[in-house]
Every structure is written in C-alpha cells, then in structure tokens.
Amino acid sequence: MADSSFPDGVPSDSLEAAKNASNTEKLTDQVMQNPQVLAALQERLDNVSHTPSSYIETLPKAVKRRINALKQLQVKCAHIEAKFYEEVHDLERKYAALYQPLFDKRREFVTGDVEPTDAESEWHSENEEEDRLAGDMKTKAVIAEKEAAAAEEPSPKGIPEFWFTIFRNVDMLSELVQEYDEPILKHLQDIKVKFSDPGQPMSFVLEFHFEPNDYFTNSVLTKTYKMKSEPDKADPFSFEGPEIVDCDGCTIDWKKGKNVTVKTIKKKQKHKGRGTVRTITKQVPNDSFFNFFSPLRASGDGESLVSTELPLQDEDSEFTLASDFEIGHFFRERIVPRAVLYFTGEAIEDDDNFEEGEEGEEEELEGDEEAEDDDDAEINPKV
C-alpha cells in the first residue's frame, strides 16, 4: 500500500485542508472588496437595524417606561371606543323601529296583500324622456294594439319570487342554494332584522318568513347572531369594533319525506360468517341552504372565532364559521335594507363598480410608486 504521508510526517489531507482555507480567505477578501456586494450587505443591515421592534429595544429604560404608559392610555381609548359602538347599536335599534313600517309596506306590496297607489308607483327612470318622445311618435293604431295586448297580459299577485330572485342574483347566497332548495325559497315572503333589547347582550336576529308550504310547518325560521363589543384582554389593541362571536339556529319542523338537509343512501353489508348480503338504508347530511339554520357553534364562553379558546376547531370549521358570520352580516347590512335594489340588480352593479374602482386605484398607485422609484434611480444611480 502506498504511503499517504509526506516525508516530514504531515498528512496530505491536512495540507489539502489548509490550502482550501487559504483559497477561501482569498475569495472572501475579493468578495468584500466588491462595491456591489458591500452595498447589498449594508442595505440588509440597514433594514434589520431600522425595524420598529429593534429600535424600541435600543431605547433607554426611562423611555420604555413612558411608552408603556402610552400603551395604558391606548387601552383606555379602546374601552371608550367600545362604549361608542354600544351607543351606535342603540341608535341602530332606534332607527330600525323607524324603518320597520316601510319594510312592512314593502312586504305587503311583494305578497300582493296591498296594491300600491298611482302616486306610490310613480318612478322617474333615467330613460323617461326617451320613452316620452318615442310615445309621442306612435300612431293611435299602435297604441290601441298595445292597450289590447296589455288587457290580455296576465297580472300575477304581488311580485312573484321576489326574495328567491335576490338569492339567485347575489353570488354569496346563490352558492348555498341547491336545485332542490329553490321550490322552498319561492315561498319566502320576507326577511327581517331584530336587534337585541336595551340592557341585553349585543345581538341581532334574522327572521325568514314563509307562507304555508308543503315542506315544513314553521312560518318563521330564525338565526341569532351574538356580538361582542369590548377589547380582548389578551390583545386589546386588536379591537376594531363589534364582531360576531357566535350564532344559534332553529329547529325546522320538516314534513315527512321533505327534509332536504339529509339524504337516504342504501348500503350493502355482507355477513362475515354466513356470507349473506343485506341492504340497509342510512340518512347522511346533504348540502342545502337550510343547513344555514343548523350552524356550527363557536366556544361556549363567547370568545371570537380567532380566539385560542377553540382548540377543537379545525381550519375547515373555522372557515365555515367565518363564512356564516359574513353572510349574517351581509343580510343585516345590505340585503334587508336594500332588497329591491338586489332584486333589480342595481345594488349588485354598484358593488361591482366599487370593487373595480378600488382595484383601479391600487394599480394607479402602484404605477406612481414605480415612477417615483425611476426618478430616484436617475438621481441616485446605483453602482
């Protein structure tokens, strides 16, 4: 076997390691002398050294003490803000009572219990002038023909499928509706919002009023949303106003064979010993809008969805709860107050235009930022 060491007794692998270390030092020296590399390293160091947390850590103890005092003031501000929102809730309750007679009349027009007067039916549309000019040019014969056709035109009671049409028009709701839900929703006559009474914990109830139908005996289905308007003790600075923290549904008294929230499946079972096969039937959950009235529950102590008090909730359950809360809020803030505009689609167009405007503004701002960056590059070109 060949000798792997030099005559002076130094192993060849040790000499090779020393040689590599020397080459590494030379390469490091060369890199550190490169202005571009030095600039990049300096930039990274600047970014690290200027983060808010790192800056606070460098402050003297006396300054940190004063910062803690400011945080205590901020917590007190959050509690005052919570009281502000409680008074806002009281105002909502007050004005809900003023809106209700108008919403009751809306229901009467929708169901056909009351026919609006000519004055109540008058509405000046954007195309009114064009319609008037076109009408002036029509001959008496054409007018007479149209009057005859109008006389033969069927006159349904009220506004058919008013609320069902809203469900179809609003993506957030139509995604929940299955084909077998549609005949039931056509019996929906009204949706109301009821706020909690003075002195009671903050909450609101959605009431879905149905006419008599072949599916369930309930005349009203309810969904209660519980709210919290106080800073979290563990994280008071996260408070941004009232939030929905839990919800309760109601029991639907389905008529026999009409429950769309479950489906019956058949399953074959084979006996291990005898080898005989039998068929059993089993009910399993079924996708349906009416699962909306059997919601998941958040934690029992009223903590919010994002609280660590929900150790048993998986991500899917948290997402389902968050979606439920969003839908409840949308019914309360948008659908019920502006129902006719969601029926005609005008509110949906307004929502779409608003979203597009936000995106356009963001793109424009990004363009301005890029332009500013270009100007800086011209003034201070990097080496």
Protein backbone atom coordinates (compact mmCIF):
# COMPACT_ATOMS: atom_id res chain seq x y z
CA MET A 1 0.00 0.00 0.00
CA ALA A 2 1.34 3.45 -0.93
CA ASP A 3 2.34 5.78 1.89
CA SER A 4 -0.24 8.68 2.19
CA SER A 5 2.03 11.00 4.18
CA PHE A 6 4.91 13.26 3.23
CA PRO A 7 8.48 12.60 4.47
CA ASP A 8 8.19 15.29 7.14
CA GLY A 9 5.25 13.44 8.71
CA VAL A 10 2.48 15.93 7.80
CA PRO A 11 -0.62 14.12 6.44
CA SER A 12 -1.63 15.07 2.89
CA ASP A 13 -5.28 15.65 3.89
CA SER A 14 -4.20 18.28 6.47
CA LEU A 15 -2.20 20.13 3.84
CA GLU A 16 -5.19 19.99 1.47
CA ALA A 17 -7.47 21.48 4.15
CA ALA A 18 -5.02 24.28 4.84
CA LYS A 19 -4.80 25.00 1.15
CA ASN A 20 -8.62 25.18 0.83
CA ALA A 21 -8.85 27.50 3.84
CA SER A 22 -6.30 29.82 2.28
CA ASN A 23 -8.25 29.88 -1.00
CA THR A 24 -11.47 30.61 0.90
CA GLU A 25 -9.85 33.57 2.67
CA LYS A 26 -8.62 34.97 -0.63
CA LEU A 27 -12.07 34.56 -2.19
CA THR A 28 -13.67 36.25 0.81
CA ASP A 29 -11.25 39.16 0.56
CA GLN A 30 -12.05 39.56 -3.12
CA VAL A 31 -15.82 39.48 -2.49
CA MET A 32 -15.59 42.01 0.35
CA GLN A 33 -13.71 44.37 -1.91
CA ASN A 34 -16.57 44.31 -4.44
CA PRO A 35 -18.55 47.59 -4.03
CA GLN A 36 -21.83 46.00 -5.18
CA VAL A 37 -21.60 43.23 -2.59
CA LEU A 38 -20.76 45.71 0.15
CA ALA A 39 -23.71 47.89 -0.82
CA ALA A 40 -26.09 44.93 -0.73
CA LEU A 41 -24.83 43.86 2.71
CA GLN A 42 -25.13 47.41 4.03
CA GLU A 43 -28.70 47.64 2.74
CA ARG A 44 -29.64 44.42 4.54
CA LEU A 45 -28.01 45.66 7.75
CA ASP A 46 -29.88 48.97 7.46
CA ASN A 47 -33.18 47.16 7.05
CA VAL A 48 -32.55 44.99 10.08
CA SER A 49 -31.40 47.86 12.26
CA HIS A 50 -34.40 50.06 11.39
CA THR A 51 -37.28 47.70 12.23
CA PRO A 52 -39.58 49.20 14.87
CA SER A 53 -39.03 46.41 17.39
CA SER A 54 -35.27 46.57 17.12
CA TYR A 55 -35.39 50.35 17.52
CA ILE A 56 -37.52 50.11 20.66
CA GLU A 57 -35.04 47.66 22.15
CA THR A 58 -32.26 50.24 21.85
CA LEU A 59 -34.13 52.90 23.82
CA PRO A 60 -33.24 53.71 27.44
CA LYS A 61 -35.34 52.19 30.22
CA ALA A 62 -36.84 55.55 31.11
CA VAL A 63 -38.18 55.97 27.55
CA LYS A 64 -39.54 52.41 27.52
CA ARG A 65 -41.35 53.18 30.76
CA ARG A 66 -43.07 56.16 29.14
CA ILE A 67 -44.01 54.02 26.12
CA ASN A 68 -45.71 51.55 28.49
CA ALA A 69 -47.68 54.46 29.92
CA LEU A 70 -48.82 55.38 26.38
CA LYS A 71 -49.99 51.80 25.85
CA GLN A 72 -52.11 52.02 29.00
CA LEU A 73 -53.71 55.17 27.58
CA GLN A 74 -54.34 53.31 24.32
CA VAL A 75 -56.16 50.52 26.17
CA LYS A 76 -58.39 53.11 27.85
CA CYS A 77 -59.10 54.58 24.39
CA ALA A 78 -60.16 51.14 23.18
CA HIS A 79 -62.65 50.80 26.04
CA ILE A 80 -64.11 54.23 25.24
CA GLU A 81 -64.39 53.14 21.59
CA ALA A 82 -66.28 50.04 22.73
CA LYS A 83 -68.79 52.25 24.56
CA PHE A 84 -69.14 54.31 21.38
CA TYR A 85 -70.14 51.22 19.40
CA GLU A 86 -72.61 50.20 22.10
CA GLU A 87 -74.34 53.56 21.62
CA VAL A 88 -74.23 53.04 17.85
CA HIS A 89 -76.07 49.74 18.42
CA ASP A 90 -78.69 51.64 20.44
CA LEU A 91 -79.09 54.07 17.52
CA GLU A 92 -79.47 51.15 15.11
CA ARG A 93 -82.26 49.77 17.29
CA LYS A 94 -83.95 53.20 17.40
CA TYR A 95 -83.85 53.71 13.64
CA ALA A 96 -84.82 50.09 12.92
CA ALA A 97 -88.17 50.95 14.52
CA LEU A 98 -88.50 53.88 12.07
CA TYR A 99 -87.63 51.71 9.07
CA GLN A 100 -90.00 48.90 10.02
CA PRO A 101 -93.29 50.49 8.83
CA LEU A 102 -91.68 50.97 5.40
CA PHE A 103 -90.44 47.36 5.38
CA ASP A 104 -93.92 46.18 6.40
CA LYS A 105 -95.40 48.04 3.44
CA ARG A 106 -92.71 46.50 1.23
CA ARG A 107 -93.88 43.07 2.31
CA GLU A 108 -97.49 43.96 1.53
CA PHE A 109 -96.56 45.04 -1.99
CA VAL A 110 -94.39 41.95 -2.55
CA THR A 111 -97.02 39.49 -1.36
CA GLY A 112 -99.84 41.32 -3.13
CA ASP A 113 -101.82 41.90 0.04
CA VAL A 114 -101.90 45.60 -0.85
CA GLU A 115 -101.79 47.23 -4.28
CA PRO A 116 -99.72 50.45 -4.45
CA THR A 117 -101.48 53.62 -5.47
CA ASP A 118 -100.58 55.50 -8.66
CA ALA A 119 -98.63 58.02 -6.59
CA GLU A 120 -96.73 55.25 -4.81
CA SER A 121 -95.96 53.57 -8.14
CA GLU A 122 -94.61 56.69 -9.85
CA TRP A 123 -90.89 56.49 -10.54
CA HIS A 124 -88.78 58.69 -12.79
CA SER A 125 -86.36 56.47 -14.67
CA GLU A 126 -83.24 57.61 -16.50
CA ASN A 127 -84.84 56.74 -19.86
CA GLU A 128 -88.10 58.53 -19.11
CA GLU A 129 -87.53 61.36 -21.62
CA GLU A 130 -86.63 58.94 -24.41
CA ASP A 131 -89.72 56.90 -23.63
CA ARG A 132 -91.90 60.02 -23.76
CA LEU A 133 -90.55 61.11 -27.16
CA ALA A 134 -90.96 57.62 -28.54
CA GLY A 135 -94.51 57.51 -27.23
CA ASP A 136 -95.39 60.79 -28.97
CA MET A 137 -94.39 59.32 -32.32
CA LYS A 138 -96.60 56.28 -32.07
CA THR A 139 -99.84 56.17 -34.04
CA LYS A 140 -103.21 55.69 -32.47
CA ALA A 141 -103.44 52.29 -34.09
CA VAL A 142 -100.25 51.09 -32.42
CA ILE A 143 -101.39 52.48 -29.06
CA ALA A 144 -104.73 50.75 -29.40
CA GLU A 145 -102.98 47.49 -30.25
CA LYS A 146 -100.76 47.72 -27.18
CA GLU A 147 -103.69 48.51 -24.95
CA ALA A 148 -105.44 45.40 -26.22
CA ALA A 149 -102.31 43.31 -25.58
CA ALA A 150 -101.96 44.76 -22.07
CA ALA A 151 -105.53 43.80 -21.32
CA GLU A 152 -104.74 40.20 -22.17
CA GLU A 153 -101.45 40.19 -20.21
CA PRO A 154 -101.67 38.11 -17.02
CA SER A 155 -101.42 40.06 -13.78
CA PRO A 156 -99.74 37.94 -11.09
CA LYS A 157 -100.26 38.71 -7.44
CA GLY A 158 -97.61 40.96 -5.89
CA ILE A 159 -94.04 40.47 -7.08
CA PRO A 160 -93.52 36.73 -7.70
CA GLU A 161 -90.34 35.10 -6.38
CA PHE A 162 -89.06 38.41 -5.01
CA TRP A 163 -86.71 37.06 -2.34
CA PHE A 164 -85.81 33.96 -4.33
CA THR A 165 -84.65 36.23 -7.18
CA ILE A 166 -82.42 38.08 -4.72
CA PHE A 167 -80.87 34.77 -3.68
CA ARG A 168 -80.16 33.98 -7.34
CA ASN A 169 -78.71 37.43 -8.03
CA VAL A 170 -76.27 37.53 -5.09
CA ASP A 171 -73.31 35.18 -5.55
CA MET A 172 -72.73 34.78 -1.82
CA LEU A 173 -76.25 33.37 -1.46
CA SER A 174 -76.66 31.51 -4.76
CA GLU A 175 -73.60 29.39 -3.90
CA LEU A 176 -75.53 27.99 -0.93
CA VAL A 177 -78.72 27.20 -2.83
CA GLN A 178 -79.18 23.74 -4.31
CA GLU A 179 -81.69 22.91 -7.03
CA TYR A 180 -83.99 21.19 -4.52
CA ASP A 181 -83.90 24.31 -2.28
CA GLU A 182 -85.40 26.50 -4.98
CA PRO A 183 -89.06 25.42 -4.70
CA ILE A 184 -88.90 26.09 -0.95
CA LEU A 185 -87.32 29.53 -1.27
CA LYS A 186 -90.09 30.56 -3.66
CA HIS A 187 -92.36 30.52 -0.58
CA LEU A 188 -90.15 33.07 1.25
CA GLN A 189 -92.20 36.24 1.80
CA ASP A 190 -89.98 38.44 3.95
CA ILE A 191 -86.69 38.73 5.84
CA LYS A 192 -86.49 40.91 8.95
CA VAL A 193 -83.70 42.02 11.28
CA LYS A 194 -84.45 42.31 15.01
CA PHE A 195 -81.92 43.95 17.34
CA SER A 196 -81.40 42.94 20.97
CA ASP A 197 -83.39 44.84 23.62
CA PRO A 198 -81.77 47.60 25.70
CA GLY A 199 -79.67 46.20 28.53
CA GLN A 200 -79.34 42.80 26.84
CA PRO A 201 -76.10 41.42 25.37
CA MET A 202 -75.47 42.79 21.88
CA SER A 203 -77.02 40.57 19.19
CA PHE A 204 -79.39 40.55 16.23
CA VAL A 205 -81.86 38.02 14.83
CA LEU A 206 -82.63 37.27 11.18
CA GLU A 207 -86.24 36.21 10.67
CA PHE A 208 -87.19 34.37 7.47
CA HIS A 209 -90.98 34.48 6.99
CA PHE A 210 -92.55 31.76 4.82
CA GLU A 211 -96.06 31.30 3.53
CA PRO A 212 -97.70 27.89 4.16
CA ASN A 213 -95.91 25.25 2.08
CA ASP A 214 -95.50 21.53 1.55
CA TYR A 215 -92.03 21.32 3.14
CA PHE A 216 -92.20 22.42 6.79
CA THR A 217 -94.75 23.70 9.26
CA ASN A 218 -92.71 26.68 10.55
CA SER A 219 -93.98 30.08 9.49
CA VAL A 220 -90.73 31.74 10.63
CA LEU A 221 -87.14 30.41 10.65
CA THR A 222 -84.66 32.33 12.80
CA LYS A 223 -80.90 32.77 13.05
CA THR A 224 -79.44 34.64 16.05
CA TYR A 225 -76.00 36.26 15.87
CA LYS A 226 -74.27 37.10 19.14
CA MET A 227 -71.85 40.01 19.16
CA LYS A 228 -69.09 41.37 21.37
CA SER A 229 -68.02 44.99 21.64
CA GLU A 230 -65.15 45.06 24.07
CA PRO A 231 -61.37 44.81 23.74
CA ASP A 232 -59.85 41.39 24.20
CA LYS A 233 -57.95 41.22 27.48
CA ALA A 234 -55.08 39.31 25.88
CA ASP A 235 -54.85 41.59 22.83
CA PRO A 236 -56.71 44.89 23.45
CA PHE A 237 -55.00 46.66 20.53
CA SER A 238 -56.72 44.37 18.02
CA PHE A 239 -60.14 45.88 18.81
CA GLU A 240 -61.77 47.41 15.72
CA GLY A 241 -65.42 47.47 16.75
CA PRO A 242 -68.18 44.92 17.36
CA GLU A 243 -67.68 41.43 16.00
CA ILE A 244 -69.92 38.41 15.65
CA VAL A 245 -68.68 35.72 18.02
CA ASP A 246 -71.34 33.01 17.86
CA CYS A 247 -74.70 32.11 16.32
CA ASP A 248 -77.76 29.96 17.01
CA GLY A 249 -80.17 28.49 14.51
CA CYS A 250 -83.59 26.96 14.98
CA THR A 251 -85.32 23.61 14.56
CA ILE A 252 -87.07 23.15 11.22
CA ASP A 253 -90.19 21.03 11.53
CA TRP A 254 -89.94 19.19 8.24
CA LYS A 255 -92.93 17.39 6.85
CA LYS A 256 -92.49 13.66 6.21
CA GLY A 257 -90.07 12.97 3.36
CA LYS A 258 -89.42 16.68 2.70
CA ASN A 259 -86.19 17.29 4.66
CA VAL A 260 -83.67 18.48 2.05
CA THR A 261 -80.81 18.68 4.58
CA VAL A 262 -80.45 14.89 4.65
CA LYS A 263 -80.46 12.19 2.02
CA THR A 264 -81.07 8.46 2.26
CA ILE A 265 -78.45 6.11 0.90
CA LYS A 266 -78.51 2.33 0.51
CA LYS A 267 -75.56 0.27 1.61
CA LYS A 268 -74.88 -3.44 1.22
CA GLN A 269 -73.45 -5.41 4.15
CA LYS A 270 -72.01 -8.92 3.94
CA HIS A 271 -72.17 -11.27 6.94
CA LYS A 272 -68.66 -12.50 7.79
CA GLY A 273 -69.76 -15.97 8.86
CA ARG A 274 -72.69 -16.89 6.64
CA GLY A 275 -71.69 -14.79 3.66
CA THR A 276 -75.21 -13.46 3.25
CA VAL A 277 -75.72 -9.91 1.97
CA ARG A 278 -78.30 -7.46 3.24
CA THR A 279 -79.16 -3.92 2.17
CA ILE A 280 -79.57 -1.21 4.79
CA THR A 281 -80.68 2.40 4.40
CA LYS A 282 -78.95 5.28 6.15
CA GLN A 283 -79.53 9.03 6.36
CA VAL A 284 -76.50 11.27 5.79
CA PRO A 285 -76.13 15.08 5.69
CA ASN A 286 -76.99 16.77 2.39
CA ASP A 287 -75.84 20.13 1.02
CA SER A 288 -78.62 22.69 1.34
CA PHE A 289 -79.19 26.36 2.09
CA PHE A 290 -81.32 25.25 5.02
CA ASN A 291 -78.22 24.00 6.82
CA PHE A 292 -77.84 27.74 7.48
CA PHE A 293 -80.25 27.20 10.40
CA SER A 294 -78.09 24.46 11.95
CA PRO A 295 -74.75 26.29 12.29
CA LEU A 296 -71.51 25.22 13.88
CA ARG A 297 -71.02 26.68 17.33
CA ALA A 298 -68.06 28.72 18.49
CA SER A 299 -66.68 28.32 22.00
CA GLY A 300 -69.15 28.39 24.85
CA ASP A 301 -67.55 31.40 26.59
CA GLY A 302 -68.40 33.83 23.83
CA GLU A 303 -64.85 34.20 22.59
CA SER A 304 -64.41 35.09 18.95
CA LEU A 305 -63.56 32.74 16.13
CA VAL A 306 -59.87 33.57 16.12
CA SER A 307 -59.54 33.01 19.86
CA THR A 308 -57.30 30.28 21.19
CA GLU A 309 -60.36 29.14 23.14
CA LEU A 310 -61.27 26.99 20.10
CA PRO A 311 -58.75 24.15 20.37
CA LEU A 312 -61.12 21.62 18.83
CA GLN A 313 -61.96 23.69 15.74
CA ASP A 314 -60.09 22.65 12.62
CA GLU A 315 -59.40 25.02 9.74
CA ASP A 316 -62.45 23.90 7.76
CA SER A 317 -64.73 24.54 10.72
CA GLU A 318 -63.21 27.98 11.31
CA PHE A 319 -63.69 28.83 7.63
CA THR A 320 -67.32 27.67 7.79
CA LEU A 321 -67.96 29.81 10.86
CA ALA A 322 -66.29 32.85 9.31
CA SER A 323 -68.40 32.44 6.14
CA ASP A 324 -71.56 32.09 8.23
CA PHE A 325 -70.76 35.29 10.13
CA GLU A 326 -70.09 37.12 6.88
CA ILE A 327 -73.42 36.00 5.39
CA GLY A 328 -75.32 37.07 8.52
CA HIS A 329 -73.66 40.47 8.43
CA PHE A 330 -74.48 40.82 4.71
CA PHE A 331 -78.16 40.06 5.28
CA ARG A 332 -78.29 42.65 8.05
CA GLU A 333 -76.30 45.45 6.42
CA ARG A 334 -77.13 45.07 2.73
CA ILE A 335 -79.85 42.62 1.72
CA VAL A 336 -82.65 43.59 4.10
CA PRO A 337 -82.24 47.39 3.92
CA ARG A 338 -81.83 47.46 0.10
CA ALA A 339 -83.81 44.42 -1.03
CA VAL A 340 -85.45 45.97 -4.12
CA LEU A 341 -82.05 47.03 -5.49
CA TYR A 342 -80.71 43.49 -5.16
CA PHE A 343 -83.89 42.24 -6.84
CA THR A 344 -83.36 44.56 -9.84
CA GLY A 345 -79.57 44.04 -9.81
CA GLU A 346 -78.77 47.73 -9.34
CA ALA A 347 -77.10 47.18 -5.96
CA ILE A 348 -75.02 44.36 -7.42
CA GLU A 349 -73.81 46.63 -10.23
CA ASP A 350 -72.91 49.29 -7.66
CA ASP A 351 -70.94 46.73 -5.63
CA ASP A 352 -69.07 45.57 -8.75
CA ASN A 353 -68.24 49.13 -9.79
CA PHE A 354 -66.97 49.93 -6.31
CA GLU A 355 -64.69 46.88 -6.31
CA GLU A 356 -63.35 47.69 -9.78
CA GLY A 357 -62.68 51.27 -8.66
CA GLU A 358 -60.64 50.04 -5.71
CA GLU A 359 -58.56 47.79 -7.94
CA GLY A 360 -58.02 50.57 -10.46
CA GLU A 361 -56.92 52.94 -7.73
CA GLU A 362 -54.47 50.37 -6.42
CA GLU A 363 -52.99 49.86 -9.87
CA GLU A 364 -52.66 53.62 -10.33
CA LEU A 365 -50.88 53.97 -7.01
CA GLU A 366 -48.53 51.17 -7.91
CA GLY A 367 -47.74 52.98 -11.14
CA ASP A 368 -46.96 56.16 -9.23
CA GLU A 369 -44.67 54.26 -6.90
CA GLU A 370 -42.82 52.80 -9.86
CA ALA A 371 -42.44 56.26 -11.36
CA GLU A 372 -41.03 57.58 -8.08
CA ASP A 373 -38.59 54.70 -7.99
CA ASP A 374 -37.46 55.55 -11.53
CA ASP A 375 -36.89 59.17 -10.52
CA ASP A 376 -34.82 58.07 -7.55
CA ALA A 377 -32.78 55.81 -9.81
CA GLU A 378 -31.95 58.75 -12.08
CA ILE A 379 -30.94 60.93 -9.16
CA ASN A 380 -29.02 58.28 -7.23
CA PRO A 381 -27.92 55.62 -9.70
CA LYS A 382 -26.54 52.51 -8.03
CA VAL A 383 -23.02 51.48 -8.83
